[in-house]
Every structure is written in structure tokens, then in C-alpha cells.
N, C-alpha and C. Protein backbone atom coordinates (compact mmCIF):
# COMPACT_ATOMS: atom_id res chain seq x y z
N MET A 1 46.38 73.32 124.45
CA MET A 1 47.10 74.18 124.70
C MET A 1 48.30 73.27 123.09
N SER A 2 48.83 74.63 122.56
CA SER A 2 49.86 74.22 121.48
C SER A 2 51.40 74.98 122.32
N GLY A 3 52.34 73.50 121.86
CA GLY A 3 53.64 74.19 122.08
C GLY A 3 55.01 74.99 121.42
N SER A 4 53.66 75.20 120.26
CA SER A 4 55.28 76.03 119.70
C SER A 4 54.64 77.68 119.27
N ARG A 5 55.59 78.10 118.94
CA ARG A 5 55.11 79.55 119.31
C ARG A 5 55.14 80.51 117.40
N LYS A 6 54.57 80.86 117.98
CA LYS A 6 54.76 82.06 116.12
C LYS A 6 55.62 82.95 116.18
N ARG A 7 55.70 83.63 117.65
CA ARG A 7 56.84 84.67 117.21
C ARG A 7 58.61 84.53 117.86
N PRO A 8 59.70 84.49 117.25
CA PRO A 8 60.45 84.48 118.35
C PRO A 8 60.73 85.38 119.32
N ALA A 9 61.58 84.99 120.05
CA ALA A 9 61.26 85.63 121.52
C ALA A 9 62.03 87.36 121.56
N LEU A 10 61.88 87.72 121.97
CA LEU A 10 62.65 89.18 122.13
C LEU A 10 63.79 89.32 122.56
N GLY A 11 64.78 88.37 123.25
CA GLY A 11 65.69 88.02 123.76
C GLY A 11 66.73 88.03 122.14
N VAL A 12 66.48 86.97 121.60
CA VAL A 12 67.00 86.61 120.34
C VAL A 12 66.88 87.52 119.42
N VAL A 13 65.93 88.45 119.23
CA VAL A 13 65.50 89.41 117.90
C VAL A 13 67.02 90.21 118.54
N ALA A 14 66.87 90.81 119.42
CA ALA A 14 67.84 91.81 120.28
C ALA A 14 69.17 91.67 120.05
N TYR A 15 69.52 90.09 120.52
CA TYR A 15 70.95 89.32 120.21
C TYR A 15 71.37 89.94 118.43
N PHE A 16 70.42 89.32 117.45
CA PHE A 16 70.77 89.28 116.68
C PHE A 16 70.65 90.76 115.75
N ALA A 17 69.81 91.77 116.36
CA ALA A 17 70.05 93.17 116.52
C ALA A 17 71.20 93.58 116.34
N ILE A 18 71.83 93.73 117.25
CA ILE A 18 73.00 94.15 118.23
C ILE A 18 74.25 93.36 117.54
N ALA A 19 74.46 92.20 116.96
CA ALA A 19 75.31 91.25 116.36
C ALA A 19 75.13 92.00 114.91
N PHE A 20 74.21 91.79 114.30
CA PHE A 20 74.55 92.53 112.81
C PHE A 20 74.61 94.09 112.54
N THR A 21 74.12 94.76 114.05
CA THR A 21 74.65 96.46 113.74
C THR A 21 76.27 96.32 114.10
N LEU A 22 76.71 95.45 115.05
CA LEU A 22 78.31 95.84 115.50
C LEU A 22 79.18 94.76 114.33
N ALA A 23 78.66 94.04 113.62
CA ALA A 23 79.25 93.60 112.13
C ALA A 23 79.25 94.62 111.20
N THR A 24 78.56 95.35 110.93
CA THR A 24 78.09 96.04 110.33
C THR A 24 79.05 97.53 110.37
N TYR A 25 78.97 97.32 111.57
CA TYR A 25 80.26 99.22 112.26
C TYR A 25 81.55 98.34 111.75
N PHE A 26 81.82 96.88 112.11
CA PHE A 26 83.30 97.24 112.24
C PHE A 26 83.85 96.53 110.52
N THR A 27 82.60 96.36 109.86
CA THR A 27 83.30 96.14 108.16
C THR A 27 83.20 97.37 107.83
N PHE A 28 82.10 98.60 108.23
CA PHE A 28 82.45 99.55 107.69
C PHE A 28 83.98 100.21 108.21
N ALA A 29 84.47 100.31 109.54
CA ALA A 29 85.52 100.39 109.80
C ALA A 29 86.83 100.04 109.38
N ALA A 30 86.89 98.50 109.16
CA ALA A 30 88.01 97.88 107.89
C ALA A 30 87.76 98.54 106.57
N VAL A 31 87.11 98.93 105.97
CA VAL A 31 87.27 99.26 104.45
C VAL A 31 87.60 100.84 104.64
N GLN A 32 87.17 101.67 105.14
CA GLN A 32 86.95 103.48 105.41
C GLN A 32 87.36 103.85 106.37
N GLY A 33 87.52 102.97 107.30
CA GLY A 33 88.02 103.68 108.48
C GLY A 33 89.13 104.58 108.43
N ASP A 34 89.87 105.17 109.62
CA ASP A 34 91.47 105.79 109.76
C ASP A 34 92.13 105.11 109.39
N TYR A 35 92.30 103.72 109.72
CA TYR A 35 93.50 102.48 109.21
C TYR A 35 92.53 101.36 108.28
N GLY A 36 91.59 102.08 107.45
CA GLY A 36 90.57 101.11 106.86
C GLY A 36 91.52 100.54 104.91
N LEU A 37 91.26 100.00 104.31
CA LEU A 37 91.79 99.38 103.32
C LEU A 37 91.93 100.98 102.26
N PHE A 38 90.64 101.64 102.36
CA PHE A 38 91.25 102.80 101.54
C PHE A 38 92.11 103.57 101.73
N ARG A 39 92.42 103.83 103.18
CA ARG A 39 93.55 104.41 103.79
C ARG A 39 94.61 104.03 103.22
N ARG A 40 94.85 102.94 103.20
CA ARG A 40 96.10 102.35 102.92
C ARG A 40 96.19 102.39 101.59
N ILE A 41 95.35 102.18 100.85
CA ILE A 41 95.45 102.56 99.39
C ILE A 41 95.92 104.15 98.93
N GLN A 42 95.50 104.74 100.17
CA GLN A 42 96.29 106.31 99.58
C GLN A 42 97.41 106.58 100.25
N VAL A 43 97.87 106.11 101.49
CA VAL A 43 99.03 106.01 102.02
C VAL A 43 100.36 105.43 100.70
N GLU A 44 99.55 104.13 99.67
CA GLU A 44 100.81 103.36 99.55
C GLU A 44 100.54 104.74 98.48
N ALA A 45 99.72 105.13 97.97
CA ALA A 45 100.09 105.96 96.42
C ALA A 45 101.04 107.46 96.83
N GLU A 46 100.38 107.94 97.98
CA GLU A 46 101.55 108.76 98.31
C GLU A 46 103.09 108.40 98.56
N ALA A 47 103.04 107.39 99.15
CA ALA A 47 104.56 106.70 99.30
C ALA A 47 105.19 106.68 98.01
N GLY A 48 104.50 106.26 97.17
CA GLY A 48 105.25 105.95 95.86
C GLY A 48 105.48 107.32 95.17
N THR A 49 104.56 108.80 95.65
CA THR A 49 104.96 109.57 94.87
C THR A 49 106.21 110.23 95.62
N LEU A 50 105.92 110.15 97.10
CA LEU A 50 107.01 111.17 97.87
C LEU A 50 108.24 109.92 97.22
N ILE A 51 108.34 109.17 97.02
CA ILE A 51 109.73 108.37 96.73
C ILE A 51 110.04 108.94 95.35
N GLN A 52 109.08 108.93 94.35
CA GLN A 52 109.95 109.70 93.22
C GLN A 52 109.87 110.96 93.43
N GLU A 53 109.53 111.98 94.23
CA GLU A 53 109.95 113.29 94.19
C GLU A 53 111.72 113.44 94.79
N ARG A 54 111.75 112.37 95.96
CA ARG A 54 112.79 111.89 96.85
C ARG A 54 114.12 111.75 95.52
N ASP A 55 114.05 110.65 94.62
CA ASP A 55 114.25 110.24 93.46
C ASP A 55 115.32 111.22 92.56
N ALA A 56 113.93 112.48 92.45
CA ALA A 56 114.62 113.75 91.51
C ALA A 56 115.30 114.40 92.26
N LEU A 57 114.70 114.57 93.77
CA LEU A 57 115.82 115.75 94.33
C LEU A 57 117.51 114.81 94.33
N GLN A 58 117.20 113.99 94.54
CA GLN A 58 118.78 112.96 94.45
C GLN A 58 119.36 113.27 93.60
N ALA A 59 118.56 113.04 92.35
CA ALA A 59 119.45 114.02 91.02
C ALA A 59 120.10 115.19 91.32
N GLN A 60 118.87 115.59 91.43
CA GLN A 60 119.10 117.49 91.35
C GLN A 60 120.49 117.84 92.47
N LEU A 61 120.79 116.86 93.64
CA LEU A 61 121.23 117.15 94.66
C LEU A 61 123.30 116.75 93.80
N ASP A 62 123.07 115.28 93.34
CA ASP A 62 123.97 114.96 92.36
C ASP A 62 124.91 115.84 91.23
N GLU A 63 123.90 116.22 90.55
CA GLU A 63 124.14 117.15 90.03
C GLU A 63 124.75 118.51 90.42
N MET A 64 124.41 118.90 91.01
CA MET A 64 125.11 120.12 91.90
C MET A 64 126.71 119.86 92.77
N GLN A 65 126.35 118.58 93.27
CA GLN A 65 127.62 118.26 93.46
C GLN A 65 128.39 117.75 93.15
N ASN A 66 128.24 117.36 91.38
CA ASN A 66 129.43 117.31 90.76
C ASN A 66 129.79 118.95 89.99
N LYS A 67 128.63 120.04 89.79
CA LYS A 67 129.24 121.08 89.14
C LYS A 67 130.33 121.61 90.51
N THR A 68 129.64 121.72 91.94
CA THR A 68 130.41 122.10 92.78
C THR A 68 131.92 121.68 92.96
N ARG A 69 131.98 119.94 93.06
CA ARG A 69 133.38 119.57 92.47
C ARG A 69 134.03 119.69 91.79
N ARG A 70 133.86 120.18 90.60
CA ARG A 70 134.19 120.88 88.81
C ARG A 70 134.84 122.02 89.35
N LEU A 71 134.24 123.05 90.00
CA LEU A 71 134.76 124.85 89.99
C LEU A 71 135.34 124.52 91.18
N SER A 72 135.66 123.68 91.75
CA SER A 72 136.73 124.05 93.28
C SER A 72 137.66 124.16 92.93
N ASP A 73 138.79 124.32 93.74
CA ASP A 73 139.76 124.53 93.77
C ASP A 73 141.06 123.17 93.27
N ASP A 74 140.54 122.24 94.33
CA ASP A 74 140.82 121.31 93.74
C ASP A 74 140.74 120.73 92.03
N TYR A 75 140.37 120.58 91.44
CA TYR A 75 139.51 120.00 90.32
C TYR A 75 139.19 121.32 89.78
N LEU A 76 139.46 121.97 88.82
CA LEU A 76 138.72 122.80 88.18
C LEU A 76 138.50 122.72 86.49
N ASP A 77 137.29 122.68 86.24
CA ASP A 77 136.99 121.99 84.25
C ASP A 77 136.54 123.83 84.40
N LEU A 78 137.66 123.78 83.44
CA LEU A 78 137.78 125.11 82.50
C LEU A 78 136.47 125.22 81.60
N ASP A 79 135.99 124.16 80.61
CA ASP A 79 135.00 124.50 80.33
C ASP A 79 133.99 124.97 80.98
N LEU A 80 133.63 124.68 81.97
CA LEU A 80 132.30 124.70 82.66
C LEU A 80 132.41 126.19 83.85
N LEU A 81 133.92 126.61 83.64
CA LEU A 81 134.00 128.16 84.82
C LEU A 81 133.83 128.88 83.55
N ASP A 82 134.16 128.74 82.24
CA ASP A 82 133.55 129.61 80.68
C ASP A 82 132.01 129.93 80.48
N GLU A 83 131.54 128.57 81.16
CA GLU A 83 130.08 128.58 80.63
C GLU A 83 129.28 129.28 81.40
N GLN A 84 130.12 129.41 83.00
CA GLN A 84 129.69 130.05 84.33
C GLN A 84 129.56 131.18 83.78
N ALA A 85 130.27 131.80 83.84
CA ALA A 85 131.21 133.37 83.58
C ALA A 85 130.35 133.97 82.36
N ARG A 86 130.22 133.40 81.28
CA ARG A 86 129.29 133.44 80.56
C ARG A 86 127.92 134.04 80.85
N SER A 87 127.46 132.58 81.42
CA SER A 87 125.78 133.26 81.99
C SER A 87 125.97 134.18 82.87
N VAL A 88 126.98 134.40 83.49
CA VAL A 88 126.85 135.00 84.96
C VAL A 88 127.24 136.91 84.33
N LEU A 89 127.94 136.76 83.28
CA LEU A 89 128.24 138.21 82.88
C LEU A 89 127.68 138.61 81.57
N GLY A 90 127.18 137.32 81.11
CA GLY A 90 126.63 137.93 79.65
C GLY A 90 127.58 137.94 78.48
N MET A 91 128.78 137.66 78.82
CA MET A 91 130.29 138.07 77.60
C MET A 91 130.03 136.89 76.48
N ILE A 92 130.73 137.00 75.42
CA ILE A 92 130.77 136.56 74.26
C ILE A 92 132.06 136.43 73.66
N ARG A 93 132.71 135.87 73.25
CA ARG A 93 133.72 136.13 72.66
C ARG A 93 134.40 136.62 70.91
N SER A 94 134.84 136.94 70.66
CA SER A 94 134.63 137.54 69.06
C SER A 94 134.60 136.82 68.26
N ASP A 95 134.60 135.34 68.21
CA ASP A 95 134.63 134.47 66.80
C ASP A 95 133.06 133.79 67.61
N GLU A 96 132.18 134.21 68.00
CA GLU A 96 130.77 133.72 68.91
C GLU A 96 129.67 134.31 67.77
N ILE A 97 128.74 133.96 67.22
CA ILE A 97 127.30 134.64 66.78
C ILE A 97 126.46 134.36 68.15
N VAL A 98 125.64 135.37 68.26
CA VAL A 98 124.82 135.47 69.16
C VAL A 98 122.89 135.41 68.06
N ILE A 99 122.34 134.44 68.89
CA ILE A 99 121.23 134.65 68.15
C ILE A 99 119.84 134.50 68.89
N ARG A 100 119.00 135.52 69.22
CA ARG A 100 118.36 135.70 69.83
C ARG A 100 116.61 135.61 69.27
């Protein structure tokens, strides 16, 4: 009788197969899952784009607020008023030349 076995026990094979399967699953989920690395990179890129869009909209808002203040009753900018009236009405002064 020899005391050594040629094949590993079935329980050991099943244990390592289950451990390998779980390790593979969790590794895949950590990289490609809903909260994985690829999703995090995508969210950070979207955040950067949204921050740039927010800054551009804030600049537009500041410009509109400035023009609104300059056309208000408390502070009237005559040059801006003249520019807006010409733009809306399509009028020019007699000393101006129009180039089309």
C-alpha cells in the first residue's frame, strides 16, 4: 500500500474553483461595475464638462446682469441705450456709413 495519492481530493478542487470564480467576479465588478474604476473615470470627466458649462453660463449671467444694470432707471448708460435702440429699430444716424 502506498500512502500517497495521485489526485487531489474533490473538496480541494471545488474550494479552489469557487475561490477563483469569486475572485474573478469581484475583480471584474471593481473594474467594470456600476461603481468600478471605469465608471469613476467617466463620472469625473462628466463633472469636468459640467463645471466648464457652469462657468460659461455664469459668465453669460454676469454679462446680462451688467447690461440690465446699465439700462436700469438708477444707472443709465446712454451708449448702451443707443446701441440697443439701433439694433432693435434698425436705424442709423445721418453721419454714419452702412457697409453690407
